[in-house]
Amino acid sequence: MNGSLVRIHDLKNRDGLKNRLIASINAFRETKTDIIPAKVDLTNYDTVYIGGPTWAGNPTPAILTIIDRCNFTRKDVVLFATMDSNRGETNIERLEEKVKMRGARVIETFTIATKGKSPEKLVNDTEAIIEMKDLKMYKR
């Protein structure tokens, strides 16, 4: 696909059992966090893919923060969630609510099970989903 990949980095330390537990609580409460980049300019994009891990059935604080800082007016959005278990759909539902409030039109959603998969397998699975859902037509 033609486009840009922007990785959103959460500046909080999420390593270790205690920090992961706090992170899951933050995701559940939809607590915002400090991120880099602080904002992404979507002006030159027609279609935007947004996604990330599922924490306690919710989007991560970093994804929620960037969504709140972006203007999705007149943007077609594809949402995805990665997950170890089967709670990715609740993540997608919340992402959909958030981006629609910011002006997006959600054109497709999907989840990717990650448990026990190599990075290569995850890439292959994602490419297969994009092919199956005919998302290649959204290349721009």
C-alpha atoms as a PDB file:
ATOM      1  CA  MET A   1       0.000   0.000   0.000  1.00  0.00           C
ATOM      2  CA  ASN A   2       1.091   3.520  -0.647  1.00  0.00           C
ATOM      3  CA  GLY A   3       1.138   5.603   2.488  1.00  0.00           C
ATOM      4  CA  SER A   4       2.947   6.239   5.697  1.00  0.00           C
ATOM      5  CA  LEU A   5       3.305   4.165   8.809  1.00  0.00           C
ATOM      6  CA  VAL A   6       3.247   6.187  12.009  1.00  0.00           C
ATOM      7  CA  ARG A   7       4.034   4.289  15.161  1.00  0.00           C
ATOM      8  CA  ILE A   8       2.603   5.862  18.299  1.00  0.00           C
ATOM      9  CA  HIS A   9       4.941   5.467  21.273  1.00  0.00           C
ATOM     10  CA  ASP A  10       3.594   5.507  24.812  1.00  0.00           C
ATOM     11  CA  LEU A  11       6.143   7.297  26.998  1.00  0.00           C
ATOM     12  CA  LYS A  12       5.075   5.479  30.172  1.00  0.00           C
ATOM     13  CA  ASN A  13       6.965   2.395  31.266  1.00  0.00           C
ATOM     14  CA  ARG A  14       4.598  -0.533  30.653  1.00  0.00           C
ATOM     15  CA  ASP A  15       7.129  -3.291  31.467  1.00  0.00           C
ATOM     16  CA  GLY A  16       6.706  -5.676  34.383  1.00  0.00           C
ATOM     17  CA  LEU A  17       3.673  -7.183  36.058  1.00  0.00           C
ATOM     18  CA  LYS A  18       2.785  -4.120  38.174  1.00  0.00           C
ATOM     19  CA  ASN A  19       3.032  -1.701  35.226  1.00  0.00           C
ATOM     20  CA  ARG A  20       1.004  -4.031  32.973  1.00  0.00           C
ATOM     21  CA  LEU A  21      -1.724  -4.235  35.585  1.00  0.00           C
ATOM     22  CA  ILE A  22      -1.768  -0.437  35.839  1.00  0.00           C
ATOM     23  CA  ALA A  23      -1.799  -0.226  32.030  1.00  0.00           C
ATOM     24  CA  SER A  24      -4.853  -2.504  31.859  1.00  0.00           C
ATOM     25  CA  ILE A  25      -6.634  -0.331  34.426  1.00  0.00           C
ATOM     26  CA  ASN A  26      -5.657   2.786  32.431  1.00  0.00           C
ATOM     27  CA  ALA A  27      -7.068   1.190  29.265  1.00  0.00           C
ATOM     28  CA  PHE A  28     -10.311   0.290  31.047  1.00  0.00           C
ATOM     29  CA  ARG A  29     -10.659   3.848  32.392  1.00  0.00           C
ATOM     30  CA  GLU A  30      -9.595   5.356  29.054  1.00  0.00           C
ATOM     31  CA  THR A  31      -6.831   7.303  30.755  1.00  0.00           C
ATOM     32  CA  LYS A  32      -4.782   9.393  28.336  1.00  0.00           C
ATOM     33  CA  THR A  33      -0.990   9.171  28.254  1.00  0.00           C
ATOM     34  CA  ASP A  34       2.035  11.045  26.946  1.00  0.00           C
ATOM     35  CA  ILE A  35       2.873   9.921  23.411  1.00  0.00           C
ATOM     36  CA  ILE A  36       5.293  10.554  20.578  1.00  0.00           C
ATOM     37  CA  PRO A  37       4.338  11.927  18.148  1.00  0.00           C
ATOM     38  CA  ALA A  38       1.946  14.109  20.112  1.00  0.00           C
ATOM     39  CA  LYS A  39      -0.306  14.546  17.059  1.00  0.00           C
ATOM     40  CA  VAL A  40      -0.513  13.298  13.457  1.00  0.00           C
ATOM     41  CA  ASP A  41      -1.586  15.538  10.593  1.00  0.00           C
ATOM     42  CA  LEU A  42      -4.025  13.537   8.450  1.00  0.00           C
ATOM     43  CA  THR A  43      -4.693  16.307   5.929  1.00  0.00           C
ATOM     44  CA  ASN A  44      -3.071  14.509   2.988  1.00  0.00           C
ATOM     45  CA  TYR A  45      -4.768  11.158   3.589  1.00  0.00           C
ATOM     46  CA  ASP A  46      -8.131   9.890   2.385  1.00  0.00           C
ATOM     47  CA  THR A  47      -7.941   6.540   4.171  1.00  0.00           C
ATOM     48  CA  VAL A  48      -6.434   5.892   7.592  1.00  0.00           C
ATOM     49  CA  TYR A  49      -5.764   2.542   9.272  1.00  0.00           C
ATOM     50  CA  ILE A  50      -5.800   2.672  13.078  1.00  0.00           C
ATOM     51  CA  GLY A  51      -5.165  -0.171  15.427  1.00  0.00           C
ATOM     52  CA  GLY A  52      -3.151  -1.771  18.119  1.00  0.00           C
ATOM     53  CA  PRO A  53      -3.228  -4.227  20.977  1.00  0.00           C
ATOM     54  CA  THR A  54      -6.227  -5.047  23.130  1.00  0.00           C
ATOM     55  CA  TRP A  55      -5.670  -4.468  26.836  1.00  0.00           C
ATOM     56  CA  ALA A  56      -8.417  -5.754  29.156  1.00  0.00           C
ATOM     57  CA  GLY A  57     -10.791  -5.683  26.174  1.00  0.00           C
ATOM     58  CA  ASN A  58     -10.015  -2.024  25.427  1.00  0.00           C
ATOM     59  CA  PRO A  59      -7.805   0.099  23.171  1.00  0.00           C
ATOM     60  CA  THR A  60      -4.492   1.147  24.668  1.00  0.00           C
ATOM     61  CA  PRO A  61      -4.109   4.582  26.267  1.00  0.00           C
ATOM     62  CA  ALA A  62      -1.715   5.602  23.459  1.00  0.00           C
ATOM     63  CA  ILE A  63      -4.247   4.815  20.708  1.00  0.00           C
ATOM     64  CA  LEU A  64      -7.039   6.586  22.592  1.00  0.00           C
ATOM     65  CA  THR A  65      -4.798   9.618  23.072  1.00  0.00           C
ATOM     66  CA  ILE A  66      -3.843   9.922  19.395  1.00  0.00           C
ATOM     67  CA  ILE A  67      -7.459   9.513  18.286  1.00  0.00           C
ATOM     68  CA  ASP A  68      -8.486  12.374  20.558  1.00  0.00           C
ATOM     69  CA  ARG A  69      -5.778  14.571  19.026  1.00  0.00           C
ATOM     70  CA  CYS A  70      -6.543  13.941  15.352  1.00  0.00           C
ATOM     71  CA  ASN A  71      -9.154  15.326  12.995  1.00  0.00           C
ATOM     72  CA  PHE A  72     -10.841  12.506  11.083  1.00  0.00           C
ATOM     73  CA  THR A  73     -13.348  14.695   9.247  1.00  0.00           C
ATOM     74  CA  ARG A  74     -14.062  13.184   5.794  1.00  0.00           C
ATOM     75  CA  LYS A  75     -11.584  10.349   6.391  1.00  0.00           C
ATOM     76  CA  ASP A  76     -12.324   6.729   5.590  1.00  0.00           C
ATOM     77  CA  VAL A  77     -11.019   4.641   8.476  1.00  0.00           C
ATOM     78  CA  VAL A  78     -10.128   0.957   8.742  1.00  0.00           C
ATOM     79  CA  LEU A  79      -9.886  -0.197  12.352  1.00  0.00           C
ATOM     80  CA  PHE A  80      -8.045  -3.252  13.595  1.00  0.00           C
ATOM     81  CA  ALA A  81      -7.183  -4.793  16.921  1.00  0.00           C
ATOM     82  CA  THR A  82      -4.580  -7.347  17.865  1.00  0.00           C
ATOM     83  CA  MET A  83      -5.398  -9.725  20.690  1.00  0.00           C
ATOM     84  CA  ASP A  84      -4.195 -12.756  22.612  1.00  0.00           C
ATOM     85  CA  SER A  85      -7.731 -13.827  23.475  1.00  0.00           C
ATOM     86  CA  ASN A  86     -11.139 -13.141  21.984  1.00  0.00           C
ATOM     87  CA  ARG A  87     -11.820  -9.639  23.352  1.00  0.00           C
ATOM     88  CA  GLY A  88     -10.742  -7.658  20.300  1.00  0.00           C
ATOM     89  CA  GLU A  89     -14.306  -6.920  19.228  1.00  0.00           C
ATOM     90  CA  THR A  90     -14.937  -4.736  22.288  1.00  0.00           C
ATOM     91  CA  ASN A  91     -11.748  -2.854  21.446  1.00  0.00           C
ATOM     92  CA  ILE A  92     -13.014  -2.306  17.875  1.00  0.00           C
ATOM     93  CA  GLU A  93     -16.417  -1.123  19.097  1.00  0.00           C
ATOM     94  CA  ARG A  94     -14.820   1.515  21.321  1.00  0.00           C
ATOM     95  CA  LEU A  95     -12.397   2.632  18.595  1.00  0.00           C
ATOM     96  CA  GLU A  96     -15.317   2.983  16.206  1.00  0.00           C
ATOM     97  CA  GLU A  97     -17.226   5.190  18.658  1.00  0.00           C
ATOM     98  CA  LYS A  98     -14.168   7.384  19.213  1.00  0.00           C
ATOM     99  CA  VAL A  99     -13.216   7.960  15.558  1.00  0.00           C
ATOM    100  CA  LYS A 100     -16.829   8.595  14.517  1.00  0.00           C
ATOM    101  CA  MET A 101     -17.055  11.309  17.179  1.00  0.00           C
ATOM    102  CA  ARG A 102     -14.020  12.881  15.484  1.00  0.00           C
ATOM    103  CA  GLY A 103     -15.648  12.856  12.018  1.00  0.00           C
ATOM    104  CA  ALA A 104     -14.535   9.517  10.541  1.00  0.00           C
ATOM    105  CA  ARG A 105     -16.451   7.132   8.338  1.00  0.00           C
ATOM    106  CA  VAL A 106     -15.504   3.587   9.368  1.00  0.00           C
ATOM    107  CA  ILE A 107     -15.337   1.465   6.217  1.00  0.00           C
ATOM    108  CA  GLU A 108     -14.050  -1.809   7.667  1.00  0.00           C
ATOM    109  CA  THR A 109     -12.816  -3.483  10.850  1.00  0.00           C
ATOM    110  CA  PHE A 110     -10.889  -6.637  11.656  1.00  0.00           C
ATOM    111  CA  THR A 111      -9.111  -8.408  14.482  1.00  0.00           C
ATOM    112  CA  ILE A 112      -5.857 -10.349  14.439  1.00  0.00           C
ATOM    113  CA  ALA A 113      -5.158 -13.145  16.931  1.00  0.00           C
ATOM    114  CA  THR A 114      -1.496 -12.904  17.954  1.00  0.00           C
ATOM    115  CA  LYS A 115      -1.004 -15.581  20.594  1.00  0.00           C
ATOM    116  CA  GLY A 116       1.880 -17.893  19.749  1.00  0.00           C
ATOM    117  CA  LYS A 117       2.463 -16.414  16.284  1.00  0.00           C
ATOM    118  CA  SER A 118       5.754 -15.292  14.816  1.00  0.00           C
ATOM    119  CA  PRO A 119       6.036 -11.800  13.307  1.00  0.00           C
ATOM    120  CA  GLU A 120       6.149 -13.385   9.841  1.00  0.00           C
ATOM    121  CA  LYS A 121       2.914 -15.303  10.509  1.00  0.00           C
ATOM    122  CA  LEU A 122       1.237 -12.102  11.740  1.00  0.00           C
ATOM    123  CA  VAL A 123       2.239 -10.276   8.550  1.00  0.00           C
ATOM    124  CA  ASN A 124       0.912 -13.150   6.438  1.00  0.00           C
ATOM    125  CA  ASP A 125      -2.355 -13.282   8.415  1.00  0.00           C
ATOM    126  CA  THR A 126      -2.814  -9.522   8.079  1.00  0.00           C
ATOM    127  CA  GLU A 127      -2.146  -9.594   4.339  1.00  0.00           C
ATOM    128  CA  ALA A 128      -4.672 -12.432   3.988  1.00  0.00           C
ATOM    129  CA  ILE A 129      -7.314 -10.405   5.859  1.00  0.00           C
ATOM    130  CA  ILE A 130      -6.657  -7.365   3.666  1.00  0.00           C
ATOM    131  CA  GLU A 131      -7.010  -9.552   0.568  1.00  0.00           C
ATOM    132  CA  MET A 132     -10.141 -11.287   1.846  1.00  0.00           C
ATOM    133  CA  LYS A 133     -11.847  -8.008   2.813  1.00  0.00           C
ATOM    134  CA  ASP A 134     -10.750  -6.445  -0.492  1.00  0.00           C
ATOM    135  CA  LEU A 135      -9.044  -3.576   1.330  1.00  0.00           C
ATOM    136  CA  LYS A 136      -6.486  -3.198  -1.472  1.00  0.00           C
ATOM    137  CA  MET A 137      -8.973  -0.891  -3.181  1.00  0.00           C
ATOM    138  CA  TYR A 138      -8.199   1.660  -0.456  1.00  0.00           C
ATOM    139  CA  LYS A 139      -4.578   2.109  -1.532  1.00  0.00           C
ATOM    140  CA  ARG A 140      -3.802   5.777  -2.053  1.00  0.00           C
END
